[in-house]
Amino acid sequence: MYKGTLNNAYTSPKHLKISYDKEDFNKSGKKSIKTSPVPGSKPSRHWDFFNTDHALNKPKPAPKIEFKNIPNKHEIKYGRYEMLKHLGTGSFATVHLAKDMKTGDLVAMKFIDKVNFVGPEASSIYDEIKLMKSIDHKNIVKLIDVIETSTVLCIVMEYCENGELYDLIVDNFQNFTIEDKKKIFKELVEAVKYLHENNISHRDLKVENVLLDKDNNVKLADFNLATRFKPNELFTHRCGSEEYTSPEIVTRKAYDPQKTDIWALGIILYAINVGHLPFYHKNGERIQSMYHRIAMVNYKFSSGVEVDKDAKNLIGAILKYTPQSRATLNQILSHPWLQNIDTSSKSVKNDTNIINLEEDDYRMRRHTNKNFGFYKFKHSNNYSFSTPDNFKDFNGMYTLPKFNLVGF
């Protein structure tokens, strides 16, 4: 199933990410979706999930597609929108910064040529649009408009000027104040709380999907893996981003999507306080070693970074092996670390909000430090597997005491 990014691919237009699901199962085993990859395209990272060298190699560029029906650089108006700047082109879309002439606001417009976008993959993006239309929260990227003709699908989203939280951590961590960290994390938790109250799980929370507007307000993005759930429903379909994977997913257990979202919040909280991820694939090691550390909840705080004791306490309260032992969203919001936040000081700004999609960045992360858990070249981090075909490269199941890990 095509899982095209509706959000940070063009709201902070840096990366167009593609991922494919084969089948999605719930606990009962009932098949909910059956799809196939987009013809002519190379599958994303999760199809290489069991290749232990995949994080160290620059991926091959995806084939370029000629866009015949979308606006070109000489056109300046599209409906009520005045296009200001071409931001980039990925494998299936092109993105423009534009001005809404009705409101005066800046928006990001993603144009999809329907000639190149048909079949099951098209229905998937319509499902995502439907989900986004149902969401209304100040800390979630807003779907503004959908314009469709016989040849073009145009999705208009809120534009997030300050880019990704990822870049703020990597490029400006030294200026990232405690108050900034508290404010951003609290707003993120409030966004997730809103989703859960509406029976929606994001399932791909990570610093790349946390966007910041011009005032550094959080805008949660990228709902390509989001799903609705029923009370007490457990899932077996594994998806998300490897470094944010929870122990129950790593150990192949049915999982509560709300609890895996909370685990991912703990990973993000660690990252904004320490400057890197608690679990990552180190240079030269097998990726299974990272899964082992996740399964054992084996992480530590860097000696060279001072972390507030209340922040450490909250991280520990979230990153628990047993899902039921993790702090709830209400407990997180009432934690001492998130009380009495001073918002009077000037917020740190992201100085690296530079847009470049010309080299298929949806598979590639830029200028990052492998030693800090942010790889220089990252394939699309979304992975998904549930069918026997995905296990064809196994050389047998490697089993740790008490744990049956994925990826072996």
Protein backbone atom coordinates (compact mmCIF):
# COMPACT_ATOMS: atom_id res chain seq x y z
CA MET A 1 0.00 0.00 0.00
CA TYR A 2 1.34 3.39 -0.87
CA LYS A 3 1.77 5.42 2.27
CA GLY A 4 2.64 8.81 0.85
CA THR A 5 3.41 11.54 3.33
CA LEU A 6 0.75 14.24 3.41
CA ASN A 7 2.47 16.33 6.01
CA ASN A 8 6.11 17.05 6.62
CA ALA A 9 6.97 16.22 3.04
CA TYR A 10 5.66 19.62 2.21
CA THR A 11 4.47 21.46 5.29
CA SER A 12 8.10 21.80 6.22
CA PRO A 13 8.92 20.52 2.74
CA LYS A 14 12.17 18.68 3.20
CA HIS A 15 11.63 15.04 2.55
CA LEU A 16 9.14 13.13 0.45
CA LYS A 17 8.92 9.75 2.09
CA ILE A 18 7.43 6.64 0.58
CA SER A 19 6.60 3.39 2.34
CA TYR A 20 4.60 0.38 1.34
CA ASP A 21 2.52 -2.07 3.36
CA LYS A 22 1.62 -5.48 2.05
CA GLU A 23 -1.13 -6.37 4.44
CA ASP A 24 -2.48 -4.95 7.65
CA PHE A 25 -3.93 -7.31 10.24
CA ASN A 26 -5.66 -6.67 13.52
CA LYS A 27 -5.66 -9.04 16.46
CA SER A 28 -8.42 -11.19 15.06
CA GLY A 29 -6.31 -11.90 12.01
CA LYS A 30 -8.81 -10.28 9.69
CA LYS A 31 -7.11 -8.76 6.69
CA SER A 32 -8.02 -5.11 6.49
CA ILE A 33 -5.93 -3.95 3.53
CA LYS A 34 -4.32 -5.71 0.61
CA THR A 35 -2.13 -3.66 -1.66
CA SER A 36 0.89 -3.67 -3.90
CA PRO A 37 3.88 -1.37 -4.43
CA VAL A 38 3.71 1.46 -6.91
CA PRO A 39 4.82 0.12 -10.30
CA GLY A 40 8.30 1.14 -11.36
CA SER A 41 9.49 2.23 -7.92
CA LYS A 42 12.02 0.73 -5.56
CA PRO A 43 10.57 -0.27 -2.18
CA SER A 44 11.60 1.76 0.84
CA ARG A 45 13.70 0.82 3.79
CA HIS A 46 11.41 -1.67 5.42
CA TRP A 47 11.75 -4.07 2.50
CA ASP A 48 15.49 -4.02 3.29
CA PHE A 49 14.70 -4.32 6.99
CA PHE A 50 16.62 -7.55 7.40
CA ASN A 51 19.73 -6.36 5.58
CA THR A 52 22.07 -5.45 8.44
CA ASP A 53 24.10 -3.08 6.26
CA HIS A 54 21.20 -0.98 5.06
CA ALA A 55 21.75 1.95 7.41
CA LEU A 56 25.34 2.46 6.26
CA ASN A 57 24.79 2.71 2.53
CA LYS A 58 23.43 5.56 0.47
CA PRO A 59 20.27 4.32 -1.23
CA LYS A 60 19.90 4.39 -4.97
CA PRO A 61 17.79 7.28 -6.25
CA ALA A 62 14.24 6.38 -7.16
CA PRO A 63 13.30 6.72 -10.81
CA LYS A 64 12.24 10.18 -11.88
CA ILE A 65 8.72 10.61 -13.16
CA GLU A 66 7.74 13.24 -15.65
CA PHE A 67 4.96 15.47 -14.35
CA LYS A 68 2.78 16.44 -17.29
CA ASN A 69 -0.27 17.96 -15.68
CA ILE A 70 0.95 19.92 -12.66
CA PRO A 71 1.70 23.65 -12.70
CA ASN A 72 5.11 24.67 -14.00
CA LYS A 73 7.41 27.36 -12.65
CA HIS A 74 5.92 29.97 -14.97
CA GLU A 75 2.41 29.67 -13.51
CA ILE A 76 1.81 31.94 -10.52
CA LYS A 77 -1.78 31.26 -9.54
CA TYR A 78 -3.73 28.11 -8.82
CA GLY A 79 -7.26 28.75 -7.62
CA ARG A 80 -7.10 31.17 -4.71
CA TYR A 81 -3.40 30.48 -4.17
CA GLU A 82 -0.47 32.48 -5.48
CA MET A 83 2.57 30.30 -5.86
CA LEU A 84 5.71 31.95 -4.54
CA LYS A 85 8.43 29.34 -4.78
CA HIS A 86 9.06 25.83 -6.03
CA LEU A 87 10.27 23.89 -3.01
CA GLY A 88 11.11 20.56 -4.53
CA THR A 89 10.13 17.47 -6.46
CA GLY A 90 10.01 13.91 -5.21
CA SER A 91 9.08 10.69 -6.94
CA PHE A 92 5.34 11.22 -7.04
CA ALA A 93 4.73 14.89 -6.35
CA THR A 94 6.01 18.40 -6.58
CA VAL A 95 5.74 20.98 -3.81
CA HIS A 96 5.25 24.75 -3.89
CA LEU A 97 5.25 27.43 -1.25
CA ALA A 98 2.21 29.60 -1.88
CA LYS A 99 0.15 32.42 -0.41
CA ASP A 100 -3.53 32.01 0.31
CA MET A 101 -4.95 35.16 -1.27
CA LYS A 102 -8.09 34.81 0.86
CA THR A 103 -6.34 34.80 4.24
CA GLY A 104 -2.85 36.03 3.44
CA ASP A 105 -1.31 32.93 5.07
CA LEU A 106 1.60 30.97 3.67
CA VAL A 107 0.70 27.42 2.70
CA ALA A 108 2.43 24.38 1.25
CA MET A 109 0.86 22.90 -1.87
CA LYS A 110 1.59 19.35 -2.91
CA PHE A 111 0.67 18.50 -6.51
CA ILE A 112 0.21 14.85 -7.43
CA ASP A 113 -0.09 13.98 -11.11
CA LYS A 114 -2.89 11.42 -11.23
CA VAL A 115 -1.50 9.95 -14.43
CA ASN A 116 1.33 8.55 -12.27
CA PHE A 117 -0.79 7.84 -9.23
CA VAL A 118 -3.53 5.24 -9.70
CA GLY A 119 -4.94 2.07 -8.18
CA PRO A 120 -4.67 0.99 -4.52
CA GLU A 121 -1.97 3.56 -3.77
CA ALA A 122 -4.39 6.33 -4.76
CA SER A 123 -7.12 5.06 -2.44
CA SER A 124 -4.59 5.06 0.39
CA ILE A 125 -3.91 8.76 0.12
CA TYR A 126 -7.64 9.48 0.01
CA ASP A 127 -7.97 7.56 3.28
CA GLU A 128 -5.27 9.73 4.78
CA ILE A 129 -6.99 12.89 3.56
CA LYS A 130 -10.23 11.70 5.15
CA LEU A 131 -8.43 11.15 8.46
CA MET A 132 -6.76 14.56 8.32
CA LYS A 133 -10.09 16.26 7.64
CA SER A 134 -11.43 14.85 10.91
CA ILE A 135 -8.55 16.30 12.95
CA ASP A 136 -8.67 19.79 14.43
CA HIS A 137 -6.05 20.71 17.04
CA LYS A 138 -3.74 23.68 17.38
CA ASN A 139 -0.67 21.42 17.63
CA ILE A 140 -1.45 19.25 14.60
CA VAL A 141 -0.70 20.35 11.05
CA LYS A 142 -3.91 21.56 9.47
CA LEU A 143 -5.27 20.30 6.17
CA ILE A 144 -6.53 23.49 4.55
CA ASP A 145 -7.79 22.50 1.16
CA VAL A 146 -7.98 19.66 -1.37
CA ILE A 147 -8.27 20.59 -5.04
CA GLU A 148 -8.89 17.82 -7.53
CA THR A 149 -9.25 17.85 -11.27
CA SER A 150 -9.33 14.98 -13.73
CA THR A 151 -5.53 15.04 -13.91
CA VAL A 152 -4.23 16.60 -10.66
CA LEU A 153 -4.69 16.12 -6.92
CA CYS A 154 -3.53 19.17 -4.98
CA ILE A 155 -3.31 19.04 -1.19
CA VAL A 156 -2.93 22.35 0.64
CA MET A 157 -1.48 22.23 4.14
CA GLU A 158 -0.41 24.62 6.84
CA TYR A 159 3.18 25.75 6.27
CA CYS A 160 5.60 25.31 9.17
CA GLU A 161 8.31 27.90 8.77
CA ASN A 162 10.74 26.65 11.41
CA GLY A 163 10.92 23.15 10.02
CA GLU A 164 11.52 19.95 11.93
CA LEU A 165 12.37 19.40 15.58
CA TYR A 166 15.01 17.06 14.19
CA ASP A 167 16.99 19.96 12.74
CA LEU A 168 16.67 22.01 15.89
CA ILE A 169 18.21 19.18 17.91
CA VAL A 170 20.97 18.38 15.44
CA ASP A 171 21.96 21.90 14.41
CA ASN A 172 21.07 24.16 17.31
CA PHE A 173 21.09 21.99 20.42
CA GLN A 174 23.44 24.28 22.32
CA ASN A 175 20.83 27.05 22.20
CA PHE A 176 17.92 24.76 23.03
CA THR A 177 16.81 25.98 26.48
CA ILE A 178 15.05 23.92 29.13
CA GLU A 179 11.96 26.10 28.71
CA ASP A 180 11.98 25.44 24.94
CA LYS A 181 12.19 21.72 25.62
CA LYS A 182 9.36 21.78 28.12
CA LYS A 183 7.08 23.84 25.90
CA ILE A 184 7.66 21.75 22.80
CA PHE A 185 7.25 18.44 24.59
CA LYS A 186 4.11 19.53 26.43
CA GLU A 187 2.49 20.68 23.18
CA LEU A 188 3.42 17.39 21.53
CA VAL A 189 1.87 15.37 24.38
CA GLU A 190 -1.29 17.47 24.14
CA ALA A 191 -1.51 16.69 20.41
CA VAL A 192 -1.14 12.96 21.05
CA LYS A 193 -3.70 13.14 23.88
CA TYR A 194 -6.17 14.71 21.46
CA LEU A 195 -5.59 11.92 18.94
CA HIS A 196 -6.04 9.18 21.53
CA GLU A 197 -9.22 10.78 22.85
CA ASN A 198 -10.50 10.52 19.28
CA ASN A 199 -9.38 6.89 18.94
CA ILE A 200 -6.48 7.68 16.60
CA SER A 201 -2.94 6.40 17.05
CA HIS A 202 -0.15 8.15 15.15
CA ARG A 203 2.22 5.13 15.11
CA ASP A 204 5.17 7.09 13.73
CA LEU A 205 6.04 9.69 16.34
CA LYS A 206 9.60 10.92 15.89
CA VAL A 207 11.52 14.19 15.86
CA GLU A 208 11.30 14.40 12.06
CA ASN A 209 7.51 14.45 12.29
CA VAL A 210 7.34 17.22 14.89
CA LEU A 211 7.23 20.50 12.98
CA LEU A 212 7.51 24.04 14.31
CA ASP A 213 5.73 27.14 13.07
CA LYS A 214 7.25 30.62 13.02
CA ASP A 215 6.59 30.98 16.77
CA ASN A 216 8.00 27.51 17.54
CA ASN A 217 4.58 26.08 18.27
CA VAL A 218 4.44 22.32 17.72
CA LYS A 219 2.64 20.99 14.66
CA LEU A 220 2.52 17.20 14.61
CA ALA A 221 2.69 15.88 11.05
CA ASP A 222 2.90 12.78 8.88
CA PHE A 223 -0.19 10.64 9.39
CA ASN A 224 0.67 8.05 6.75
CA LEU A 225 0.79 5.25 9.35
CA ALA A 226 -1.94 6.60 11.62
CA THR A 227 -4.85 4.32 12.38
CA ARG A 228 -8.13 4.35 14.23
CA PHE A 229 -8.50 1.89 17.10
CA LYS A 230 -11.22 0.53 19.33
CA PRO A 231 -10.99 0.51 23.14
CA ASN A 232 -8.65 -2.27 24.34
CA GLU A 233 -7.86 -3.27 20.75
CA LEU A 234 -4.48 -4.87 20.17
CA PHE A 235 -2.56 -4.83 16.90
CA THR A 236 -0.04 -7.25 15.42
CA HIS A 237 0.88 -5.26 12.30
CA ARG A 238 4.33 -3.81 12.93
CA CYS A 239 5.06 -0.37 11.60
CA GLY A 240 6.84 2.80 12.60
CA SER A 241 10.48 3.89 12.71
CA GLU A 242 13.14 1.52 13.93
CA GLU A 243 14.83 3.68 16.56
CA TYR A 244 11.44 4.47 18.13
CA THR A 245 10.20 0.87 18.21
CA SER A 246 8.78 -0.27 21.54
CA PRO A 247 9.85 -3.49 23.31
CA GLU A 248 6.52 -5.20 22.63
CA ILE A 249 6.92 -4.67 18.90
CA VAL A 250 10.56 -5.73 18.96
CA THR A 251 9.62 -8.90 20.81
CA ARG A 252 6.74 -9.68 18.44
CA LYS A 253 3.89 -9.21 20.87
CA ALA A 254 0.44 -7.86 20.12
CA TYR A 255 0.49 -4.22 21.11
CA ASP A 256 -1.72 -1.38 22.24
CA PRO A 257 -1.06 1.45 19.75
CA GLN A 258 -1.63 4.04 22.47
CA LYS A 259 1.16 2.54 24.56
CA THR A 260 3.57 2.42 21.63
CA ASP A 261 2.84 6.10 20.96
CA ILE A 262 3.71 6.83 24.59
CA TRP A 263 6.97 4.87 24.26
CA ALA A 264 7.87 6.99 21.23
CA LEU A 265 7.17 10.13 23.26
CA GLY A 266 9.77 8.89 25.73
CA ILE A 267 12.30 8.51 22.92
CA ILE A 268 11.58 12.07 21.76
CA LEU A 269 11.85 13.40 25.33
CA TYR A 270 15.25 11.75 25.67
CA ALA A 271 16.39 13.20 22.33
CA ILE A 272 15.46 16.79 23.14
CA ASN A 273 17.24 16.57 26.49
CA VAL A 274 20.35 14.66 25.47
CA GLY A 275 20.78 15.60 21.81
CA HIS A 276 20.63 12.10 20.35
CA LEU A 277 18.46 8.99 20.46
CA PRO A 278 18.69 6.47 23.32
CA PHE A 279 18.65 3.54 20.88
CA TYR A 280 20.34 3.64 17.52
CA HIS A 281 22.26 1.51 15.07
CA LYS A 282 25.93 2.18 15.78
CA ASN A 283 28.62 2.20 13.11
CA GLY A 284 29.65 -1.29 12.07
CA GLU A 285 27.27 -3.21 14.35
CA ARG A 286 24.42 -5.48 13.43
CA ILE A 287 21.07 -3.74 13.69
CA GLN A 288 19.89 -6.61 15.88
CA SER A 289 22.11 -5.21 18.63
CA MET A 290 19.92 -2.13 18.73
CA TYR A 291 16.82 -4.31 18.99
CA HIS A 292 18.43 -6.17 21.87
CA ARG A 293 19.04 -2.89 23.72
CA ILE A 294 15.42 -1.86 23.11
CA ALA A 295 14.13 -5.22 24.35
CA MET A 296 16.23 -4.88 27.51
CA VAL A 297 15.40 -1.14 27.82
CA ASN A 298 19.16 -0.68 28.03
CA TYR A 299 19.98 2.99 27.62
CA LYS A 300 22.08 5.52 29.50
CA PHE A 301 22.54 9.27 29.70
CA SER A 302 25.64 10.76 28.09
CA SER A 303 28.15 11.95 30.64
CA GLY A 304 28.89 15.11 28.67
CA VAL A 305 25.29 16.37 28.70
CA GLU A 306 23.62 17.72 31.83
CA VAL A 307 20.02 16.57 32.05
CA ASP A 308 17.53 17.97 34.56
CA LYS A 309 16.72 15.40 37.25
CA ASP A 310 12.98 15.82 36.75
CA ALA A 311 13.44 15.23 33.02
CA LYS A 312 15.38 12.04 33.78
CA ASN A 313 12.61 10.94 36.10
CA LEU A 314 9.96 11.49 33.42
CA ILE A 315 12.00 9.67 30.78
CA GLY A 316 12.31 6.73 33.14
CA ALA A 317 8.59 6.79 33.85
CA ILE A 318 7.81 6.52 30.14
CA LEU A 319 10.49 4.11 28.90
CA LYS A 320 9.21 1.07 30.77
CA TYR A 321 9.35 -2.43 29.33
CA THR A 322 5.80 -3.29 30.37
CA PRO A 323 3.29 -1.12 28.50
CA GLN A 324 0.92 -0.96 31.46
CA SER A 325 3.74 0.40 33.63
CA ARG A 326 4.37 3.43 31.41
CA ALA A 327 3.17 6.82 32.50
CA THR A 328 -0.18 7.78 31.00
CA LEU A 329 -0.57 10.97 29.01
CA ASN A 330 -2.35 12.63 31.94
CA GLN A 331 0.45 11.58 34.28
CA ILE A 332 3.02 12.98 31.86
CA LEU A 333 1.22 16.33 31.63
CA SER A 334 0.98 16.56 35.43
CA HIS A 335 4.64 15.64 35.97
CA PRO A 336 6.74 18.25 37.87
CA TRP A 337 9.02 18.75 34.85
CA LEU A 338 6.15 20.14 32.80
CA GLN A 339 4.84 22.55 35.42
CA ASN A 340 5.44 26.31 35.58
CA ILE A 341 6.87 26.67 32.09
CA ASP A 342 8.30 30.15 31.46
CA THR A 343 7.33 31.20 27.93
CA SER A 344 8.45 34.82 28.30
CA SER A 345 11.96 34.26 26.96
CA LYS A 346 12.68 34.28 23.25
CA SER A 347 12.49 30.81 21.75
CA VAL A 348 15.40 29.27 19.91
CA LYS A 349 14.96 29.30 16.13
CA ASN A 350 15.80 26.64 13.61
CA ASP A 351 18.54 28.12 11.43
CA THR A 352 18.63 25.31 8.89
CA ASN A 353 15.20 25.29 7.33
CA ILE A 354 16.60 24.78 3.86
CA ILE A 355 14.46 22.94 1.36
CA ASN A 356 15.98 20.49 -1.08
CA LEU A 357 14.03 17.65 -2.60
CA GLU A 358 15.93 17.41 -5.86
CA GLU A 359 17.81 14.21 -4.97
CA ASP A 360 14.93 12.12 -3.66
CA ASP A 361 15.49 13.15 -0.07
CA TYR A 362 12.56 11.00 1.03
CA ARG A 363 15.15 8.23 1.30
CA MET A 364 18.02 10.32 2.60
CA ARG A 365 18.69 12.25 5.79
CA ARG A 366 21.18 15.08 5.51
CA HIS A 367 24.34 16.23 7.35
CA THR A 368 23.82 14.09 10.42
CA ASN A 369 26.10 12.39 12.90
CA LYS A 370 26.00 8.60 13.06
CA ASN A 371 27.58 8.67 16.51
CA PHE A 372 24.56 10.56 17.80
CA GLY A 373 22.00 8.18 16.38
CA PHE A 374 21.07 10.34 13.40
CA TYR A 375 22.52 8.68 10.31
CA LYS A 376 24.02 10.71 7.52
CA PHE A 377 22.10 8.74 4.96
CA LYS A 378 18.79 7.37 6.15
CA HIS A 379 16.43 5.37 4.05
CA SER A 380 12.78 6.05 4.67
CA ASN A 381 12.46 5.05 8.31
CA ASN A 382 8.99 3.62 8.00
CA TYR A 383 8.96 -0.13 8.09
CA SER A 384 6.16 -2.59 7.84
CA PHE A 385 5.95 -6.34 7.79
CA SER A 386 3.44 -9.02 8.54
CA THR A 387 3.47 -11.59 5.76
CA PRO A 388 5.68 -14.68 5.30
CA ASP A 389 7.29 -13.18 2.19
CA ASN A 390 9.07 -10.66 4.40
CA PHE A 391 10.91 -13.43 6.22
CA LYS A 392 12.53 -14.99 3.18
CA ASP A 393 16.01 -13.67 4.09
CA PHE A 394 16.03 -15.18 7.56
CA ASN A 395 18.94 -17.48 8.37
CA GLY A 396 17.05 -18.90 11.29
CA MET A 397 15.50 -17.20 14.30
CA TYR A 398 17.95 -15.72 16.75
CA THR A 399 16.40 -15.91 20.21
CA LEU A 400 17.50 -14.04 23.31
CA PRO A 401 16.41 -15.20 26.74
CA LYS A 402 12.72 -14.31 27.07
CA PHE A 403 12.80 -12.34 23.82
CA ASN A 404 12.02 -13.26 20.23
CA LEU A 405 13.29 -10.23 18.37
CA VAL A 406 12.26 -8.85 15.00
CA GLY A 407 14.81 -8.54 12.25
CA PHE A 408 16.61 -11.83 12.77
